[in-house]
């Protein structure tokens, strides 16, 4: 975790550790960033401080769709952005707040997070 410019916390969930680590490095100068290398780990570390989740869709053990469903069942109102190798057309039924195909560069990551923060008007916390 890094100390960001504001109190926004982003949780990156991807079973490909290299990808999660790159996204973390790219975002940590502006946000507090946590990384989980699988769905189960994400559900263990998420808490009420998380504002935005960057979530891979295809992961062994617990897929991103299942993680998203569990987050909502637990009452987390954080914004969820799917970042997946699976095309958006094949993920149309996923009830995420946004959906991007991998890979994302730093500029697109920032834009994706900022867009979701604007959409929730700063109240992206557990209810």
Protein backbone atom coordinates (compact mmCIF):
# COMPACT_ATOMS: atom_id res chain seq x y z
CA UNK A 1 0.00 0.00 0.00
CA UNK A 2 1.16 3.47 -0.76
CA UNK A 3 0.29 6.85 0.59
CA UNK A 4 -1.68 8.62 -2.12
CA UNK A 5 -2.55 12.27 -2.61
CA UNK A 6 -6.08 11.74 -1.34
CA UNK A 7 -7.89 9.13 0.70
CA UNK A 8 -9.08 7.13 -2.30
CA UNK A 9 -8.32 3.43 -2.05
CA UNK A 10 -8.13 1.18 -5.09
CA UNK A 11 -8.10 -2.61 -4.83
CA UNK A 12 -6.53 -4.43 -7.78
CA UNK A 13 -7.59 -8.06 -8.18
CA UNK A 14 -5.78 -10.15 -10.78
CA UNK A 15 -4.34 -13.67 -10.64
CA UNK A 16 -1.55 -12.54 -12.97
CA UNK A 17 0.72 -11.04 -10.33
CA UNK A 18 2.84 -9.13 -12.87
CA UNK A 19 -0.23 -7.32 -14.19
CA UNK A 20 -1.53 -6.50 -10.72
CA UNK A 21 1.89 -5.24 -9.68
CA UNK A 22 2.25 -3.03 -12.77
CA UNK A 23 -1.20 -1.51 -12.20
CA UNK A 24 -0.30 -0.95 -8.55
CA UNK A 25 2.92 0.89 -9.43
CA UNK A 26 1.10 2.99 -12.02
CA UNK A 27 -1.59 4.10 -9.57
CA UNK A 28 0.20 4.34 -6.24
CA UNK A 29 1.44 7.90 -6.71
CA UNK A 30 -2.14 9.16 -6.57
CA UNK A 31 -4.13 6.56 -4.62
CA UNK A 32 -3.74 4.17 -1.74
CA UNK A 33 -3.50 0.84 -3.55
CA UNK A 34 -4.00 -2.72 -2.38
CA UNK A 35 -3.41 -5.79 -4.52
CA UNK A 36 -4.94 -9.25 -4.32
CA UNK A 37 -3.72 -12.09 -6.52
CA UNK A 38 -7.01 -13.96 -6.62
CA UNK A 39 -10.68 -13.72 -5.82
CA UNK A 40 -10.52 -15.33 -2.39
CA UNK A 41 -7.68 -13.06 -1.31
CA UNK A 42 -9.67 -10.04 -2.51
CA UNK A 43 -12.64 -11.03 -0.36
CA UNK A 44 -10.33 -11.44 2.64
CA UNK A 45 -8.72 -8.02 2.36
CA UNK A 46 -11.53 -5.79 1.12
CA UNK A 47 -12.88 -3.42 3.71
CA UNK A 48 -14.92 -0.26 3.95
CA UNK A 49 -11.98 1.91 2.85
CA UNK A 50 -12.01 0.56 -0.73
CA UNK A 51 -13.56 2.98 -3.21
CA UNK A 52 -12.77 1.31 -6.55
CA UNK A 53 -12.01 -2.31 -7.43
CA UNK A 54 -10.13 -3.18 -10.62
CA UNK A 55 -11.22 -6.78 -11.14
CA UNK A 56 -10.02 -9.46 -13.53
CA UNK A 57 -12.83 -11.65 -14.79
CA UNK A 58 -11.15 -14.99 -15.38
CA UNK A 59 -9.27 -16.24 -12.35
CA UNK A 60 -8.81 -19.77 -11.03
CA UNK A 61 -10.61 -20.66 -7.84
CA UNK A 62 -13.01 -17.76 -7.65
CA UNK A 63 -13.82 -15.88 -10.84
CA UNK A 64 -14.33 -12.14 -11.01
CA UNK A 65 -18.07 -12.51 -11.58
CA UNK A 66 -18.32 -14.42 -8.28
CA UNK A 67 -16.18 -11.86 -6.47
CA UNK A 68 -18.42 -9.06 -7.72
CA UNK A 69 -21.56 -10.92 -6.64
CA UNK A 70 -20.09 -11.52 -3.16
CA UNK A 71 -19.07 -7.87 -2.79
CA UNK A 72 -22.62 -6.78 -3.50
CA UNK A 73 -24.09 -9.41 -1.16
CA UNK A 74 -21.83 -8.12 1.62
CA UNK A 75 -23.11 -4.59 1.06
CA UNK A 76 -19.98 -3.03 -0.45
CA UNK A 77 -20.97 -0.09 -2.63
CA UNK A 78 -17.52 0.41 -4.13
CA UNK A 79 -17.27 0.97 -7.85
CA UNK A 80 -16.13 -2.10 -9.80
CA UNK A 81 -14.24 -1.96 -13.07
CA UNK A 82 -13.69 -5.22 -14.90
CA UNK A 83 -10.33 -5.35 -16.69
CA UNK A 84 -10.24 -8.60 -18.60
CA UNK A 85 -8.82 -10.37 -21.61
CA UNK A 86 -12.42 -11.43 -22.29
CA UNK A 87 -14.02 -9.00 -24.74
CA UNK A 88 -16.66 -6.61 -23.51
CA UNK A 89 -19.24 -8.19 -25.80
CA UNK A 90 -18.72 -11.51 -24.00
CA UNK A 91 -19.02 -9.76 -20.65
CA UNK A 92 -22.15 -7.76 -21.35
CA UNK A 93 -24.09 -9.52 -18.60
CA UNK A 94 -21.56 -8.67 -15.88
CA UNK A 95 -23.09 -6.03 -13.57
CA UNK A 96 -19.90 -4.01 -13.18
CA UNK A 97 -19.73 -0.23 -13.32
CA UNK A 98 -17.33 -0.30 -16.27
CA UNK A 99 -15.50 -2.82 -18.44
CA UNK A 100 -12.16 -2.63 -20.22
CA UNK A 101 -10.15 -5.12 -22.20
CA UNK A 102 -6.55 -5.79 -21.18
CA UNK A 103 -4.07 -4.33 -21.31
CA UNK A 104 -4.63 -0.81 -20.01
CA UNK A 105 -1.93 1.81 -20.01
CA UNK A 106 -1.40 4.23 -17.15
CA UNK A 107 -3.48 7.00 -18.72
CA UNK A 108 -6.46 4.68 -19.26
CA UNK A 109 -6.17 3.32 -15.72
CA UNK A 110 -6.32 6.84 -14.29
CA UNK A 111 -9.24 7.75 -16.55
CA UNK A 112 -11.13 4.60 -15.55
CA UNK A 113 -10.67 5.22 -11.82
CA UNK A 114 -11.40 8.95 -12.05
CA UNK A 115 -14.55 8.27 -14.07
CA UNK A 116 -15.89 5.96 -11.38
CA UNK A 117 -15.00 8.34 -8.57
CA UNK A 118 -16.87 11.11 -10.37
CA UNK A 119 -19.87 8.82 -10.83
CA UNK A 120 -20.14 8.11 -7.12
CA UNK A 121 -19.45 11.70 -6.03
CA UNK A 122 -17.01 10.62 -3.35
CA UNK A 123 -19.44 8.35 -1.51
CA UNK A 124 -18.08 5.00 -2.67
CA UNK A 125 -17.95 3.28 0.68
CA UNK A 126 -19.69 0.35 2.35
CA UNK A 127 -23.23 1.11 3.37
